[in-house]
N, C-alpha and C. Protein backbone atom coordinates (compact mmCIF):
# COMPACT_ATOMS: atom_id res chain seq x y z
N MET A 1 123.79 91.66 60.36
CA MET A 1 122.54 91.41 60.87
C MET A 1 122.58 90.19 61.67
N GLU A 2 122.20 90.00 62.73
CA GLU A 2 122.09 88.92 63.67
C GLU A 2 120.75 88.57 64.03
N LYS A 3 120.41 87.16 64.13
CA LYS A 3 119.06 86.63 64.56
C LYS A 3 119.54 86.00 65.81
N LEU A 4 118.71 86.22 66.89
CA LEU A 4 118.98 85.52 68.09
C LEU A 4 117.66 84.93 68.50
N HIS A 5 117.72 83.93 69.46
CA HIS A 5 116.45 83.30 69.82
C HIS A 5 116.76 82.75 71.24
N PHE A 6 115.76 82.92 72.17
CA PHE A 6 115.79 82.64 73.55
C PHE A 6 114.55 82.17 73.93
N THR A 7 114.50 81.34 74.96
CA THR A 7 113.35 80.67 75.69
C THR A 7 113.34 80.83 77.01
N TYR A 8 112.14 80.97 77.72
CA TYR A 8 112.18 81.04 79.19
C TYR A 8 110.95 80.25 79.59
N GLN A 9 111.05 79.81 80.84
CA GLN A 9 109.85 79.19 81.60
C GLN A 9 109.11 79.94 82.38
N ASN A 10 108.21 80.80 81.93
CA ASN A 10 107.26 81.82 82.55
C ASN A 10 105.90 81.33 82.79
N THR A 11 105.29 82.05 83.74
CA THR A 11 103.82 81.60 84.28
C THR A 11 102.72 82.35 83.81
N LYS A 12 102.90 83.63 83.76
CA LYS A 12 101.63 84.60 83.51
C LYS A 12 101.47 84.65 82.01
N THR A 13 100.29 84.03 81.74
CA THR A 13 99.94 83.93 80.25
C THR A 13 99.26 85.45 79.77
N ILE A 14 99.67 85.77 78.56
CA ILE A 14 99.28 87.10 78.28
C ILE A 14 97.91 86.82 77.48
N GLU A 15 96.98 88.00 77.25
CA GLU A 15 95.62 87.54 76.62
C GLU A 15 95.62 88.39 75.36
N LYS A 16 96.42 89.36 75.13
CA LYS A 16 96.28 90.25 73.87
C LYS A 16 97.54 90.43 73.11
N PHE A 17 97.37 90.95 71.80
CA PHE A 17 98.57 91.38 71.20
C PHE A 17 99.12 92.64 71.78
N VAL A 18 100.34 93.15 71.65
CA VAL A 18 100.91 94.44 72.07
C VAL A 18 101.91 94.71 71.13
N HIS A 19 102.07 95.86 70.71
CA HIS A 19 103.15 96.58 69.82
C HIS A 19 103.69 97.85 70.37
N VAL A 20 104.80 97.98 70.87
CA VAL A 20 105.31 99.30 71.19
C VAL A 20 106.75 99.52 70.52
N GLY A 21 107.08 100.78 70.39
CA GLY A 21 108.28 101.27 69.75
C GLY A 21 108.25 101.17 68.32
N VAL A 22 109.29 101.58 67.83
CA VAL A 22 109.50 101.71 66.21
C VAL A 22 110.96 101.23 65.75
N VAL A 23 110.97 100.91 64.53
CA VAL A 23 112.54 100.47 64.07
C VAL A 23 113.02 101.71 63.39
N ALA A 24 113.91 102.42 64.36
CA ALA A 24 114.57 103.62 63.91
C ALA A 24 115.93 103.66 64.50
N SER A 25 116.74 104.43 64.10
CA SER A 25 118.06 104.54 64.70
C SER A 25 117.93 104.72 66.11
N GLY A 26 118.63 103.70 67.03
CA GLY A 26 118.82 103.74 68.23
C GLY A 26 117.66 103.32 69.08
N ASP A 27 116.56 102.80 68.38
CA ASP A 27 115.41 102.43 68.88
C ASP A 27 115.06 100.84 68.53
N LEU A 28 113.75 100.38 68.88
CA LEU A 28 113.48 99.00 68.48
C LEU A 28 112.03 99.02 68.85
N GLU A 29 111.44 97.95 68.04
CA GLU A 29 110.09 97.61 68.40
C GLU A 29 109.93 96.20 68.90
N VAL A 30 108.79 96.13 69.73
CA VAL A 30 108.48 94.80 70.39
C VAL A 30 107.16 94.54 70.03
N LEU A 31 106.84 93.21 69.46
CA LEU A 31 105.70 92.74 69.11
C LEU A 31 105.48 91.52 70.07
N LEU A 32 104.36 91.40 70.88
CA LEU A 32 104.07 90.47 71.87
C LEU A 32 102.90 89.76 71.55
N TYR A 33 102.92 88.52 71.47
CA TYR A 33 101.67 87.56 70.99
C TYR A 33 101.30 86.69 72.02
N PRO A 34 100.09 86.32 72.38
CA PRO A 34 99.79 85.21 73.37
C PRO A 34 100.46 83.91 72.70
N ALA A 35 100.97 83.25 73.62
CA ALA A 35 101.58 81.89 73.29
C ALA A 35 101.46 80.96 74.42
N ASP A 36 101.69 79.64 74.09
CA ASP A 36 101.72 78.64 75.24
C ASP A 36 103.08 78.52 75.92
N GLU A 37 104.07 79.23 75.27
CA GLU A 37 105.49 79.22 75.91
C GLU A 37 106.05 80.58 75.65
N THR A 38 107.10 81.01 76.48
CA THR A 38 107.84 82.16 76.25
C THR A 38 109.08 81.99 75.32
N THR A 39 108.97 82.59 74.11
CA THR A 39 110.04 82.61 73.09
C THR A 39 110.39 84.18 72.78
N VAL A 40 111.59 84.44 72.59
CA VAL A 40 111.97 85.71 72.17
C VAL A 40 112.85 85.62 71.00
N ASP A 41 112.42 86.27 69.95
CA ASP A 41 113.22 86.18 68.73
C ASP A 41 113.59 87.56 68.23
N ILE A 42 115.02 87.78 68.08
CA ILE A 42 115.46 89.19 67.92
C ILE A 42 116.11 89.21 66.45
N VAL A 43 115.85 90.35 65.70
CA VAL A 43 116.70 90.60 64.54
C VAL A 43 117.19 91.97 64.87
N THR A 44 118.49 91.99 64.84
CA THR A 44 119.45 93.06 65.17
C THR A 44 120.45 93.47 64.17
N GLY A 45 120.58 94.71 63.94
CA GLY A 45 121.85 95.30 63.10
C GLY A 45 123.06 95.15 63.91
N SER A 46 123.03 95.10 65.20
CA SER A 46 124.32 94.97 65.79
C SER A 46 124.75 93.67 66.27
N ASP A 47 125.76 93.19 65.54
CA ASP A 47 126.33 91.75 65.82
C ASP A 47 126.99 91.70 67.14
N GLY A 48 127.23 90.47 67.71
CA GLY A 48 128.10 90.25 68.87
C GLY A 48 127.53 90.48 70.15
N PHE A 49 126.25 90.96 70.39
CA PHE A 49 125.73 91.33 71.63
C PHE A 49 124.84 90.33 72.27
N LYS A 50 125.11 88.97 71.98
CA LYS A 50 124.08 87.94 72.57
C LYS A 50 124.02 88.04 74.00
N GLU A 51 125.21 88.07 74.58
CA GLU A 51 125.33 87.93 76.10
C GLU A 51 124.58 89.27 76.85
N VAL A 52 124.74 90.36 75.97
CA VAL A 52 124.03 91.58 76.60
C VAL A 52 122.59 91.44 76.58
N TRP A 53 122.17 90.97 75.56
CA TRP A 53 120.68 90.70 75.22
C TRP A 53 120.16 89.64 76.30
N LYS A 54 121.00 88.60 76.46
CA LYS A 54 120.58 87.58 77.48
C LYS A 54 120.44 88.22 78.81
N ASN A 55 121.35 89.08 79.37
CA ASN A 55 121.38 89.58 80.58
C ASN A 55 120.14 90.51 80.67
N VAL A 56 119.82 91.42 79.69
CA VAL A 56 118.72 92.39 79.73
C VAL A 56 117.39 91.48 79.83
N LEU A 57 117.40 90.49 79.04
CA LEU A 57 116.09 89.67 79.03
C LEU A 57 115.89 88.77 80.25
N ASN A 58 116.99 88.26 80.79
CA ASN A 58 116.92 87.72 82.30
C ASN A 58 116.55 88.47 83.43
N ARG A 59 116.97 89.88 83.33
CA ARG A 59 116.61 90.78 84.27
C ARG A 59 115.07 91.12 84.21
N PHE A 60 114.61 91.30 82.95
CA PHE A 60 113.24 91.68 82.67
C PHE A 60 112.38 90.45 83.03
N PHE A 61 112.61 89.14 82.69
CA PHE A 61 111.84 88.06 82.98
C PHE A 61 111.85 87.52 84.54
N ASP A 62 113.00 88.02 85.21
CA ASP A 62 112.99 87.78 86.68
C ASP A 62 111.87 88.67 87.34
N ARG A 63 111.71 89.80 86.66
CA ARG A 63 110.74 90.82 87.25
C ARG A 63 109.32 90.43 86.89
N TYR A 64 109.17 90.21 85.46
CA TYR A 64 107.92 89.88 84.94
C TYR A 64 107.74 88.50 84.30
N SER A 65 107.24 87.51 84.79
CA SER A 65 107.12 86.21 84.27
C SER A 65 106.07 86.05 83.12
N LEU A 66 106.16 86.89 82.22
CA LEU A 66 105.21 86.83 81.03
C LEU A 66 105.40 85.48 80.15
N LYS A 67 104.21 85.01 79.79
CA LYS A 67 104.37 83.77 78.79
C LYS A 67 103.73 84.30 77.46
N GLY A 68 104.59 84.39 76.58
CA GLY A 68 104.09 84.88 75.16
C GLY A 68 105.30 84.75 74.21
N LYS A 69 105.01 85.17 72.92
CA LYS A 69 105.92 85.17 71.86
C LYS A 69 106.42 86.68 71.69
N PHE A 70 107.59 87.00 71.98
CA PHE A 70 108.13 88.24 71.84
C PHE A 70 109.07 88.29 70.38
N ILE A 71 108.67 89.24 69.57
CA ILE A 71 109.41 89.55 68.62
C ILE A 71 110.12 90.91 68.55
N ILE A 72 111.29 91.05 68.42
CA ILE A 72 112.03 92.20 68.64
C ILE A 72 112.78 92.61 67.32
N HIS A 73 112.52 93.74 66.89
CA HIS A 73 113.40 94.29 65.66
C HIS A 73 114.23 95.39 66.23
N ASP A 74 115.44 95.37 66.36
CA ASP A 74 116.38 96.31 66.81
C ASP A 74 116.99 96.94 66.05
N PHE A 75 117.36 98.37 66.04
CA PHE A 75 118.07 98.93 65.20
C PHE A 75 119.21 99.82 66.08
N GLY A 76 120.04 99.19 66.93
CA GLY A 76 120.98 99.70 67.65
C GLY A 76 120.63 100.27 68.96
N ALA A 77 119.51 99.82 69.60
CA ALA A 77 119.13 100.33 70.81
C ALA A 77 120.06 99.86 71.78
N THR A 78 120.18 100.85 72.98
CA THR A 78 121.10 100.46 74.01
C THR A 78 120.17 99.63 75.08
N PRO A 79 121.08 98.98 76.00
CA PRO A 79 120.22 98.10 77.02
C PRO A 79 119.09 99.00 77.69
N GLY A 80 119.20 100.17 78.09
CA GLY A 80 118.28 100.96 78.68
C GLY A 80 117.15 101.01 77.79
N VAL A 81 117.20 101.24 76.52
CA VAL A 81 116.09 101.41 75.64
C VAL A 81 115.34 100.04 75.51
N VAL A 82 116.16 99.11 75.35
CA VAL A 82 115.64 97.65 75.53
C VAL A 82 114.80 97.45 76.71
N ASN A 83 115.20 97.71 77.75
CA ASN A 83 114.63 97.59 79.02
C ASN A 83 113.17 98.38 79.13
N LEU A 84 113.24 99.82 78.52
CA LEU A 84 112.23 100.58 78.57
C LEU A 84 111.14 100.01 77.63
N ARG A 85 111.46 99.60 76.48
CA ARG A 85 110.36 99.13 75.54
C ARG A 85 109.67 97.81 75.86
N LEU A 86 110.47 96.95 76.72
CA LEU A 86 109.97 95.64 77.21
C LEU A 86 109.08 96.06 78.46
N THR A 87 109.24 96.97 79.23
CA THR A 87 108.42 97.52 80.35
C THR A 87 107.13 98.20 79.68
N GLN A 88 107.33 99.00 78.59
CA GLN A 88 106.20 99.59 78.07
C GLN A 88 105.39 98.52 77.48
N ALA A 89 105.94 97.45 76.83
CA ALA A 89 104.80 96.19 76.37
C ALA A 89 104.13 95.58 77.67
N MET A 90 105.00 95.25 78.82
CA MET A 90 104.34 94.85 79.91
C MET A 90 103.16 95.86 80.42
N GLU A 91 103.45 97.08 80.38
CA GLU A 91 102.44 98.16 80.98
C GLU A 91 101.25 98.16 79.99
N ALA A 92 101.40 97.87 78.71
CA ALA A 92 100.37 98.03 77.79
C ALA A 92 99.46 96.72 77.78
N LEU A 93 100.16 95.60 78.28
CA LEU A 93 99.26 94.47 78.68
C LEU A 93 98.23 94.80 79.83
N ASN A 94 98.64 95.43 80.75
CA ASN A 94 97.76 95.83 81.90
C ASN A 94 96.68 96.92 81.65
N ASP A 95 96.60 97.67 80.59
CA ASP A 95 95.89 98.77 80.39
C ASP A 95 94.58 98.09 79.94
N GLU A 96 93.41 98.72 80.58
CA GLU A 96 92.08 98.21 80.34
C GLU A 96 91.72 99.09 79.19
N GLU A 97 90.92 98.46 78.20
CA GLU A 97 90.28 99.08 77.07
C GLU A 97 88.84 99.62 77.43
C-alpha cells in the first residue's frame, strides 16, 4: 500500500462535497471537499506508480483548475479509469439540484 500527496495552485473554488466511484477491483473512489487550496491524497494498493499518478493529475488539472481537497482510494484502477472518475467528479460539481 502506498500513500501519495500532491498539491496544485488552482483557481476555481468548489462549493459542495462530491463522491464518485467505489473501492473495488480495478476501480477507485474520489471524495472531493471544498477547501482553500488544492490537495490530492491518494491511498493505493499499487506501489511504484507515483509518476503515472502525477501525469494523470497534471493533465486533469490543466483542463479543470478546481480548488479543493481530493481524497482518492484506489484499488488498481488504470489511468483511463482514474481520468474517468476525476471527470465524473467535475461533472457532479456542475449538476444543479
